[in-house]
Amino acid sequence: VGRAPTNRIVLDDEVCSRNHCEIF
């Protein structure tokens, strides 16, 4: 999860980091 388009869940959120977190 993050702002970067390479994430599986992309958030349009300026406060969110490009690669913010992951869930597994």
mmCIF file of all heavy atoms, coordinates in Angstrom:
data_MODEL
# 
_entry.id   MODEL 
# 
loop_
_atom_site.group_PDB 
_atom_site.id 
_atom_site.type_symbol 
_atom_site.label_atom_id 
_atom_site.label_alt_id 
_atom_site.label_comp_id 
_atom_site.label_asym_id 
_atom_site.label_entity_id 
_atom_site.label_seq_id 
_atom_site.pdbx_PDB_ins_code 
_atom_site.Cartn_x 
_atom_site.Cartn_y 
_atom_site.Cartn_z 
_atom_site.occupancy 
_atom_site.B_iso_or_equiv 
_atom_site.pdbx_formal_charge 
_atom_site.auth_seq_id 
_atom_site.auth_comp_id 
_atom_site.auth_asym_id 
_atom_site.auth_atom_id 
_atom_site.pdbx_PDB_model_num 
ATOM 1   N N   . VAL A 1 1  ? 0.860  -1.189  0.000   1.00 0.00 ? 1  VAL A N   1 
ATOM 2   C CA  . VAL A 1 1  ? 0.000  0.000   0.000   1.00 0.00 ? 1  VAL A CA  1 
ATOM 3   C C   . VAL A 1 1  ? 0.891  1.233   0.000   1.00 0.00 ? 1  VAL A C   1 
ATOM 4   O O   . VAL A 1 1  ? 1.856  1.311   0.761   1.00 0.00 ? 1  VAL A O   1 
ATOM 5   C CB  . VAL A 1 1  ? -0.920 0.020   1.244   1.00 0.00 ? 1  VAL A CB  1 
ATOM 6   C CG1 . VAL A 1 1  ? -1.882 1.210   1.190   1.00 0.00 ? 1  VAL A CG1 1 
ATOM 7   C CG2 . VAL A 1 1  ? -1.697 -1.282  1.383   1.00 0.00 ? 1  VAL A CG2 1 
ATOM 8   N N   . GLY A 1 2  ? 0.560  2.222   -0.852  1.00 0.00 ? 2  GLY A N   1 
ATOM 9   C CA  . GLY A 1 2  ? 1.321  3.462   -0.896  1.00 0.00 ? 2  GLY A CA  1 
ATOM 10  C C   . GLY A 1 2  ? 0.892  4.345   -2.041  1.00 0.00 ? 2  GLY A C   1 
ATOM 11  O O   . GLY A 1 2  ? -0.039 4.028   -2.797  1.00 0.00 ? 2  GLY A O   1 
ATOM 12  N N   . ARG A 1 3  ? 1.592  5.482   -2.217  1.00 0.00 ? 3  ARG A N   1 
ATOM 13  C CA  . ARG A 1 3  ? 1.257  6.417   -3.295  1.00 0.00 ? 3  ARG A CA  1 
ATOM 14  C C   . ARG A 1 3  ? 1.811  5.981   -4.638  1.00 0.00 ? 3  ARG A C   1 
ATOM 15  O O   . ARG A 1 3  ? 1.279  6.337   -5.687  1.00 0.00 ? 3  ARG A O   1 
ATOM 16  C CB  . ARG A 1 3  ? 1.803  7.812   -2.958  1.00 0.00 ? 3  ARG A CB  1 
ATOM 17  C CG  . ARG A 1 3  ? 0.928  8.607   -2.014  1.00 0.00 ? 3  ARG A CG  1 
ATOM 18  C CD  . ARG A 1 3  ? 1.350  10.068  -1.935  1.00 0.00 ? 3  ARG A CD  1 
ATOM 19  N NE  . ARG A 1 3  ? 2.714  10.235  -1.446  1.00 0.00 ? 3  ARG A NE  1 
ATOM 20  C CZ  . ARG A 1 3  ? 3.710  10.734  -2.161  1.00 0.00 ? 3  ARG A CZ  1 
ATOM 21  N NH1 . ARG A 1 3  ? 3.518  11.097  -3.419  1.00 0.00 ? 3  ARG A NH1 1 
ATOM 22  N NH2 . ARG A 1 3  ? 4.914  10.858  -1.619  1.00 0.00 ? 3  ARG A NH2 1 
ATOM 23  N N   . ALA A 1 4  ? 2.894  5.233   -4.611  1.00 0.00 ? 4  ALA A N   1 
ATOM 24  C CA  . ALA A 1 4  ? 3.552  4.845   -5.871  1.00 0.00 ? 4  ALA A CA  1 
ATOM 25  C C   . ALA A 1 4  ? 2.647  3.919   -6.681  1.00 0.00 ? 4  ALA A C   1 
ATOM 26  O O   . ALA A 1 4  ? 1.965  3.040   -6.123  1.00 0.00 ? 4  ALA A O   1 
ATOM 27  C CB  . ALA A 1 4  ? 4.877  4.170   -5.578  1.00 0.00 ? 4  ALA A CB  1 
ATOM 28  N N   . PRO A 1 5  ? 2.614  4.077   -8.015  1.00 0.00 ? 5  PRO A N   1 
ATOM 29  C CA  . PRO A 1 5  ? 1.746  3.243   -8.863  1.00 0.00 ? 5  PRO A CA  1 
ATOM 30  C C   . PRO A 1 5  ? 2.161  1.780   -8.877  1.00 0.00 ? 5  PRO A C   1 
ATOM 31  O O   . PRO A 1 5  ? 1.423  0.933   -9.382  1.00 0.00 ? 5  PRO A O   1 
ATOM 32  C CB  . PRO A 1 5  ? 1.879  3.885   -10.246 1.00 0.00 ? 5  PRO A CB  1 
ATOM 33  C CG  . PRO A 1 5  ? 3.164  4.636   -10.217 1.00 0.00 ? 5  PRO A CG  1 
ATOM 34  C CD  . PRO A 1 5  ? 3.344  5.091   -8.803  1.00 0.00 ? 5  PRO A CD  1 
ATOM 35  N N   . THR A 1 6  ? 3.361  1.454   -8.367  1.00 0.00 ? 6  THR A N   1 
ATOM 36  C CA  . THR A 1 6  ? 3.810  0.061   -8.347  1.00 0.00 ? 6  THR A CA  1 
ATOM 37  C C   . THR A 1 6  ? 3.162  -0.744  -7.226  1.00 0.00 ? 6  THR A C   1 
ATOM 38  O O   . THR A 1 6  ? 3.312  -1.961  -7.165  1.00 0.00 ? 6  THR A O   1 
ATOM 39  C CB  . THR A 1 6  ? 5.341  0.025   -8.184  1.00 0.00 ? 6  THR A CB  1 
ATOM 40  O OG1 . THR A 1 6  ? 5.698  0.773   -7.014  1.00 0.00 ? 6  THR A OG1 1 
ATOM 41  C CG2 . THR A 1 6  ? 6.025  0.641   -9.397  1.00 0.00 ? 6  THR A CG2 1 
ATOM 42  N N   . ASN A 1 7  ? 2.463  -0.074  -6.291  1.00 0.00 ? 7  ASN A N   1 
ATOM 43  C CA  . ASN A 1 7  ? 1.797  -0.773  -5.193  1.00 0.00 ? 7  ASN A CA  1 
ATOM 44  C C   . ASN A 1 7  ? 0.536  -1.472  -5.689  1.00 0.00 ? 7  ASN A C   1 
ATOM 45  O O   . ASN A 1 7  ? -0.089 -1.056  -6.668  1.00 0.00 ? 7  ASN A O   1 
ATOM 46  C CB  . ASN A 1 7  ? 1.431  0.210   -4.074  1.00 0.00 ? 7  ASN A CB  1 
ATOM 47  C CG  . ASN A 1 7  ? 2.643  0.747   -3.341  1.00 0.00 ? 7  ASN A CG  1 
ATOM 48  O OD1 . ASN A 1 7  ? 3.256  0.047   -2.557  1.00 0.00 ? 7  ASN A OD1 1 
ATOM 49  N ND2 . ASN A 1 7  ? 3.012  1.994   -3.633  1.00 0.00 ? 7  ASN A ND2 1 
ATOM 50  N N   . ARG A 1 8  ? 0.178  -2.554  -4.995  1.00 0.00 ? 8  ARG A N   1 
ATOM 51  C CA  . ARG A 1 8  ? -1.048 -3.251  -5.347  1.00 0.00 ? 8  ARG A CA  1 
ATOM 52  C C   . ARG A 1 8  ? -2.282 -2.414  -4.966  1.00 0.00 ? 8  ARG A C   1 
ATOM 53  O O   . ARG A 1 8  ? -3.302 -2.475  -5.636  1.00 0.00 ? 8  ARG A O   1 
ATOM 54  C CB  . ARG A 1 8  ? -1.091 -4.614  -4.653  1.00 0.00 ? 8  ARG A CB  1 
ATOM 55  C CG  . ARG A 1 8  ? -0.035 -5.577  -5.173  1.00 0.00 ? 8  ARG A CG  1 
ATOM 56  C CD  . ARG A 1 8  ? -0.248 -6.973  -4.625  1.00 0.00 ? 8  ARG A CD  1 
ATOM 57  N NE  . ARG A 1 8  ? 0.767  -7.888  -5.147  1.00 0.00 ? 8  ARG A NE  1 
ATOM 58  C CZ  . ARG A 1 8  ? 0.673  -8.527  -6.315  1.00 0.00 ? 8  ARG A CZ  1 
ATOM 59  N NH1 . ARG A 1 8  ? -0.385 -8.317  -7.080  1.00 0.00 ? 8  ARG A NH1 1 
ATOM 60  N NH2 . ARG A 1 8  ? 1.632  -9.340  -6.722  1.00 0.00 ? 8  ARG A NH2 1 
ATOM 61  N N   . ILE A 1 9  ? -2.198 -1.663  -3.853  1.00 0.00 ? 9  ILE A N   1 
ATOM 62  C CA  . ILE A 1 9  ? -3.258 -0.702  -3.502  1.00 0.00 ? 9  ILE A CA  1 
ATOM 63  C C   . ILE A 1 9  ? -2.624 0.684   -3.530  1.00 0.00 ? 9  ILE A C   1 
ATOM 64  O O   . ILE A 1 9  ? -1.723 0.987   -2.744  1.00 0.00 ? 9  ILE A O   1 
ATOM 65  C CB  . ILE A 1 9  ? -3.852 -0.996  -2.111  1.00 0.00 ? 9  ILE A CB  1 
ATOM 66  C CG1 . ILE A 1 9  ? -4.497 -2.381  -2.085  1.00 0.00 ? 9  ILE A CG1 1 
ATOM 67  C CG2 . ILE A 1 9  ? -4.882 0.062   -1.734  1.00 0.00 ? 9  ILE A CG2 1 
ATOM 68  C CD1 . ILE A 1 9  ? -5.087 -2.764  -0.736  1.00 0.00 ? 9  ILE A CD1 1 
ATOM 69  N N   . VAL A 1 10 ? -3.073 1.493   -4.462  1.00 0.00 ? 10 VAL A N   1 
ATOM 70  C CA  . VAL A 1 10 ? -2.510 2.829   -4.659  1.00 0.00 ? 10 VAL A CA  1 
ATOM 71  C C   . VAL A 1 10 ? -3.450 3.847   -4.014  1.00 0.00 ? 10 VAL A C   1 
ATOM 72  O O   . VAL A 1 10 ? -4.653 3.876   -4.306  1.00 0.00 ? 10 VAL A O   1 
ATOM 73  C CB  . VAL A 1 10 ? -2.321 3.142   -6.156  1.00 0.00 ? 10 VAL A CB  1 
ATOM 74  C CG1 . VAL A 1 10 ? -1.731 4.541   -6.327  1.00 0.00 ? 10 VAL A CG1 1 
ATOM 75  C CG2 . VAL A 1 10 ? -1.431 2.090   -6.815  1.00 0.00 ? 10 VAL A CG2 1 
ATOM 76  N N   . LEU A 1 11 ? -2.897 4.685   -3.132  1.00 0.00 ? 11 LEU A N   1 
ATOM 77  C CA  . LEU A 1 11 ? -3.682 5.712   -2.444  1.00 0.00 ? 11 LEU A CA  1 
ATOM 78  C C   . LEU A 1 11 ? -3.298 7.097   -2.954  1.00 0.00 ? 11 LEU A C   1 
ATOM 79  O O   . LEU A 1 11 ? -2.119 7.433   -3.032  1.00 0.00 ? 11 LEU A O   1 
ATOM 80  C CB  . LEU A 1 11 ? -3.440 5.650   -0.929  1.00 0.00 ? 11 LEU A CB  1 
ATOM 81  C CG  . LEU A 1 11 ? -3.820 4.342   -0.223  1.00 0.00 ? 11 LEU A CG  1 
ATOM 82  C CD1 . LEU A 1 11 ? -3.542 4.462   1.275   1.00 0.00 ? 11 LEU A CD1 1 
ATOM 83  C CD2 . LEU A 1 11 ? -5.275 3.997   -0.466  1.00 0.00 ? 11 LEU A CD2 1 
ATOM 84  N N   . ASP A 1 12 ? -4.314 7.868   -3.311  1.00 0.00 ? 12 ASP A N   1 
ATOM 85  C CA  . ASP A 1 12 ? -4.090 9.249   -3.739  1.00 0.00 ? 12 ASP A CA  1 
ATOM 86  C C   . ASP A 1 12 ? -4.117 10.129  -2.492  1.00 0.00 ? 12 ASP A C   1 
ATOM 87  O O   . ASP A 1 12 ? -5.097 10.815  -2.193  1.00 0.00 ? 12 ASP A O   1 
ATOM 88  C CB  . ASP A 1 12 ? -5.170 9.667   -4.737  1.00 0.00 ? 12 ASP A CB  1 
ATOM 89  C CG  . ASP A 1 12 ? -4.920 11.064  -5.291  1.00 0.00 ? 12 ASP A CG  1 
ATOM 90  O OD1 . ASP A 1 12 ? -3.792 11.577  -5.134  1.00 0.00 ? 12 ASP A OD1 1 
ATOM 91  O OD2 . ASP A 1 12 ? -5.868 11.647  -5.860  1.00 0.00 ? 12 ASP A OD2 1 
ATOM 92  N N   . ASP A 1 13 ? -3.039 10.096  -1.728  1.00 0.00 ? 13 ASP A N   1 
ATOM 93  C CA  . ASP A 1 13 ? -2.995 10.739  -0.417  1.00 0.00 ? 13 ASP A CA  1 
ATOM 94  C C   . ASP A 1 13 ? -1.593 11.314  -0.227  1.00 0.00 ? 13 ASP A C   1 
ATOM 95  O O   . ASP A 1 13 ? -0.609 10.578  -0.128  1.00 0.00 ? 13 ASP A O   1 
ATOM 96  C CB  . ASP A 1 13 ? -3.320 9.695   0.657   1.00 0.00 ? 13 ASP A CB  1 
ATOM 97  C CG  . ASP A 1 13 ? -3.373 10.293  2.051   1.00 0.00 ? 13 ASP A CG  1 
ATOM 98  O OD1 . ASP A 1 13 ? -2.976 11.467  2.227   1.00 0.00 ? 13 ASP A OD1 1 
ATOM 99  O OD2 . ASP A 1 13 ? -3.808 9.585   2.972   1.00 0.00 ? 13 ASP A OD2 1 
ATOM 100 N N   . GLU A 1 14 ? -1.491 12.659  -0.161  1.00 0.00 ? 14 GLU A N   1 
ATOM 101 C CA  . GLU A 1 14 ? -0.188 13.304  -0.061  1.00 0.00 ? 14 GLU A CA  1 
ATOM 102 C C   . GLU A 1 14 ? 0.523  12.996  1.258   1.00 0.00 ? 14 GLU A C   1 
ATOM 103 O O   . GLU A 1 14 ? 1.740  13.057  1.350   1.00 0.00 ? 14 GLU A O   1 
ATOM 104 C CB  . GLU A 1 14 ? -0.343 14.825  -0.207  1.00 0.00 ? 14 GLU A CB  1 
ATOM 105 C CG  . GLU A 1 14 ? -0.756 15.278  -1.608  1.00 0.00 ? 14 GLU A CG  1 
ATOM 106 C CD  . GLU A 1 14 ? 0.284  14.928  -2.644  1.00 0.00 ? 14 GLU A CD  1 
ATOM 107 O OE1 . GLU A 1 14 ? 1.492  15.027  -2.332  1.00 0.00 ? 14 GLU A OE1 1 
ATOM 108 O OE2 . GLU A 1 14 ? -0.111 14.542  -3.758  1.00 0.00 ? 14 GLU A OE2 1 
ATOM 109 N N   . VAL A 1 15 ? -0.241 12.671  2.309   1.00 0.00 ? 15 VAL A N   1 
ATOM 110 C CA  . VAL A 1 15 ? 0.367  12.374  3.599   1.00 0.00 ? 15 VAL A CA  1 
ATOM 111 C C   . VAL A 1 15 ? 0.914  10.946  3.627   1.00 0.00 ? 15 VAL A C   1 
ATOM 112 O O   . VAL A 1 15 ? 1.768  10.607  4.433   1.00 0.00 ? 15 VAL A O   1 
ATOM 113 C CB  . VAL A 1 15 ? -0.668 12.595  4.726   1.00 0.00 ? 15 VAL A CB  1 
ATOM 114 C CG1 . VAL A 1 15 ? -0.044 12.394  6.099   1.00 0.00 ? 15 VAL A CG1 1 
ATOM 115 C CG2 . VAL A 1 15 ? -1.249 14.005  4.639   1.00 0.00 ? 15 VAL A CG2 1 
ATOM 116 N N   . CYS A 1 16 ? 0.410  10.128  2.717   1.00 0.00 ? 16 CYS A N   1 
ATOM 117 C CA  . CYS A 1 16 ? 0.865  8.737   2.630   1.00 0.00 ? 16 CYS A CA  1 
ATOM 118 C C   . CYS A 1 16 ? 2.231  8.681   1.922   1.00 0.00 ? 16 CYS A C   1 
ATOM 119 O O   . CYS A 1 16 ? 2.488  9.415   0.968   1.00 0.00 ? 16 CYS A O   1 
ATOM 120 C CB  . CYS A 1 16 ? -0.179 7.916   1.872   1.00 0.00 ? 16 CYS A CB  1 
ATOM 121 S SG  . CYS A 1 16 ? 0.296  6.221   1.556   1.00 0.00 ? 16 CYS A SG  1 
ATOM 122 N N   . SER A 1 17 ? 3.127  7.805   2.383   1.00 0.00 ? 17 SER A N   1 
ATOM 123 C CA  . SER A 1 17 ? 4.439  7.647   1.733   1.00 0.00 ? 17 SER A CA  1 
ATOM 124 C C   . SER A 1 17 ? 4.283  6.853   0.435   1.00 0.00 ? 17 SER A C   1 
ATOM 125 O O   . SER A 1 17 ? 3.274  6.176   0.204   1.00 0.00 ? 17 SER A O   1 
ATOM 126 C CB  . SER A 1 17 ? 5.400  6.925   2.677   1.00 0.00 ? 17 SER A CB  1 
ATOM 127 O OG  . SER A 1 17 ? 5.623  7.693   3.841   1.00 0.00 ? 17 SER A OG  1 
ATOM 128 N N   . ARG A 1 18 ? 5.316  6.917   -0.404  1.00 0.00 ? 18 ARG A N   1 
ATOM 129 C CA  . ARG A 1 18 ? 5.253  6.217   -1.695  1.00 0.00 ? 18 ARG A CA  1 
ATOM 130 C C   . ARG A 1 18 ? 5.093  4.718   -1.465  1.00 0.00 ? 18 ARG A C   1 
ATOM 131 O O   . ARG A 1 18 ? 4.286  4.060   -2.118  1.00 0.00 ? 18 ARG A O   1 
ATOM 132 C CB  . ARG A 1 18 ? 6.511  6.517   -2.523  1.00 0.00 ? 18 ARG A CB  1 
ATOM 133 C CG  . ARG A 1 18 ? 6.575  7.962   -3.011  1.00 0.00 ? 18 ARG A CG  1 
ATOM 134 C CD  . ARG A 1 18 ? 7.844  8.202   -3.827  1.00 0.00 ? 18 ARG A CD  1 
ATOM 135 N NE  . ARG A 1 18 ? 7.926  7.300   -4.991  1.00 0.00 ? 18 ARG A NE  1 
ATOM 136 C CZ  . ARG A 1 18 ? 7.273  7.496   -6.144  1.00 0.00 ? 18 ARG A CZ  1 
ATOM 137 N NH1 . ARG A 1 18 ? 6.489  8.561   -6.290  1.00 0.00 ? 18 ARG A NH1 1 
ATOM 138 N NH2 . ARG A 1 18 ? 7.414  6.663   -7.159  1.00 0.00 ? 18 ARG A NH2 1 
ATOM 139 N N   . ASN A 1 19 ? 5.918  4.155   -0.595  1.00 0.00 ? 19 ASN A N   1 
ATOM 140 C CA  . ASN A 1 19 ? 5.774  2.752   -0.209  1.00 0.00 ? 19 ASN A CA  1 
ATOM 141 C C   . ASN A 1 19 ? 5.537  2.740   1.302   1.00 0.00 ? 19 ASN A C   1 
ATOM 142 O O   . ASN A 1 19 ? 6.472  2.829   2.097   1.00 0.00 ? 19 ASN A O   1 
ATOM 143 C CB  . ASN A 1 19 ? 7.030  1.954   -0.565  1.00 0.00 ? 19 ASN A CB  1 
ATOM 144 C CG  . ASN A 1 19 ? 7.269  1.949   -2.069  1.00 0.00 ? 19 ASN A CG  1 
ATOM 145 O OD1 . ASN A 1 19 ? 6.472  1.416   -2.819  1.00 0.00 ? 19 ASN A OD1 1 
ATOM 146 N ND2 . ASN A 1 19 ? 8.363  2.575   -2.496  1.00 0.00 ? 19 ASN A ND2 1 
ATOM 147 N N   . HIS A 1 20 ? 4.289  2.675   1.673   1.00 0.00 ? 20 HIS A N   1 
ATOM 148 C CA  . HIS A 1 20 ? 3.914  2.955   3.054   1.00 0.00 ? 20 HIS A CA  1 
ATOM 149 C C   . HIS A 1 20 ? 3.926  1.707   3.932   1.00 0.00 ? 20 HIS A C   1 
ATOM 150 O O   . HIS A 1 20 ? 4.588  1.676   4.969   1.00 0.00 ? 20 HIS A O   1 
ATOM 151 C CB  . HIS A 1 20 ? 2.523  3.599   3.093   1.00 0.00 ? 20 HIS A CB  1 
ATOM 152 C CG  . HIS A 1 20 ? 2.262  4.349   4.360   1.00 0.00 ? 20 HIS A CG  1 
ATOM 153 N ND1 . HIS A 1 20 ? 2.337  5.724   4.437   1.00 0.00 ? 20 HIS A ND1 1 
ATOM 154 C CD2 . HIS A 1 20 ? 1.935  3.933   5.599   1.00 0.00 ? 20 HIS A CD2 1 
ATOM 155 C CE1 . HIS A 1 20 ? 2.069  6.114   5.668   1.00 0.00 ? 20 HIS A CE1 1 
ATOM 156 N NE2 . HIS A 1 20 ? 1.817  5.035   6.399   1.00 0.00 ? 20 HIS A NE2 1 
ATOM 157 N N   . CYS A 1 21 ? 3.188  0.665   3.546   1.00 0.00 ? 21 CYS A N   1 
ATOM 158 C CA  . CYS A 1 21 ? 3.096  -0.534  4.364   1.00 0.00 ? 21 CYS A CA  1 
ATOM 159 C C   . CYS A 1 21 ? 2.719  -1.728  3.486   1.00 0.00 ? 21 CYS A C   1 
ATOM 160 O O   . CYS A 1 21 ? 2.419  -1.570  2.299   1.00 0.00 ? 21 CYS A O   1 
ATOM 161 C CB  . CYS A 1 21 ? 2.074  -0.350  5.494   1.00 0.00 ? 21 CYS A CB  1 
ATOM 162 S SG  . CYS A 1 21 ? 0.386  -0.120  4.905   1.00 0.00 ? 21 CYS A SG  1 
ATOM 163 N N   . GLU A 1 22 ? 2.760  -2.918  4.065   1.00 0.00 ? 22 GLU A N   1 
ATOM 164 C CA  . GLU A 1 22 ? 2.354  -4.112  3.335   1.00 0.00 ? 22 GLU A CA  1 
ATOM 165 C C   . GLU A 1 22 ? 1.596  -5.049  4.272   1.00 0.00 ? 22 GLU A C   1 
ATOM 166 O O   . GLU A 1 22 ? 1.794  -5.033  5.492   1.00 0.00 ? 22 GLU A O   1 
ATOM 167 C CB  . GLU A 1 22 ? 3.561  -4.826  2.741   1.00 0.00 ? 22 GLU A CB  1 
ATOM 168 C CG  . GLU A 1 22 ? 4.590  -5.279  3.770   1.00 0.00 ? 22 GLU A CG  1 
ATOM 169 C CD  . GLU A 1 22 ? 5.815  -5.911  3.145   1.00 0.00 ? 22 GLU A CD  1 
ATOM 170 O OE1 . GLU A 1 22 ? 6.067  -5.688  1.936   1.00 0.00 ? 22 GLU A OE1 1 
ATOM 171 O OE2 . GLU A 1 22 ? 6.526  -6.630  3.873   1.00 0.00 ? 22 GLU A OE2 1 
ATOM 172 N N   . ILE A 1 23 ? 0.703  -5.869  3.684   1.00 0.00 ? 23 ILE A N   1 
ATOM 173 C CA  . ILE A 1 23 ? -0.112 -6.816  4.438   1.00 0.00 ? 23 ILE A CA  1 
ATOM 174 C C   . ILE A 1 23 ? 0.089  -8.190  3.806   1.00 0.00 ? 23 ILE A C   1 
ATOM 175 O O   . ILE A 1 23 ? 0.018  -8.339  2.574   1.00 0.00 ? 23 ILE A O   1 
ATOM 176 C CB  . ILE A 1 23 ? -1.596 -6.414  4.408   1.00 0.00 ? 23 ILE A CB  1 
ATOM 177 C CG1 . ILE A 1 23 ? -1.795 -5.016  5.018   1.00 0.00 ? 23 ILE A CG1 1 
ATOM 178 C CG2 . ILE A 1 23 ? -2.460 -7.424  5.158   1.00 0.00 ? 23 ILE A CG2 1 
ATOM 179 C CD1 . ILE A 1 23 ? -3.195 -4.462  4.873   1.00 0.00 ? 23 ILE A CD1 1 
ATOM 180 N N   . PHE A 1 24 ? 0.334  -9.204  4.642   1.00 0.00 ? 24 PHE A N   1 
ATOM 181 C CA  . PHE A 1 24 ? 0.563  -10.546 4.117   1.00 0.00 ? 24 PHE A CA  1 
ATOM 182 C C   . PHE A 1 24 ? 0.072  -11.575 5.133   1.00 0.00 ? 24 PHE A C   1 
ATOM 183 O O   . PHE A 1 24 ? -0.201 -11.256 6.296   1.00 0.00 ? 24 PHE A O   1 
ATOM 184 C CB  . PHE A 1 24 ? 2.049  -10.761 3.797   1.00 0.00 ? 24 PHE A CB  1 
ATOM 185 C CG  . PHE A 1 24 ? 2.968  -10.506 4.966   1.00 0.00 ? 24 PHE A CG  1 
ATOM 186 C CD1 . PHE A 1 24 ? 3.330  -11.532 5.839   1.00 0.00 ? 24 PHE A CD1 1 
ATOM 187 C CD2 . PHE A 1 24 ? 3.468  -9.228  5.194   1.00 0.00 ? 24 PHE A CD2 1 
ATOM 188 C CE1 . PHE A 1 24 ? 4.167  -11.287 6.910   1.00 0.00 ? 24 PHE A CE1 1 
ATOM 189 C CE2 . PHE A 1 24 ? 4.303  -8.980  6.269   1.00 0.00 ? 24 PHE A CE2 1 
ATOM 190 C CZ  . PHE A 1 24 ? 4.660  -10.013 7.140   1.00 0.00 ? 24 PHE A CZ  1 
# 
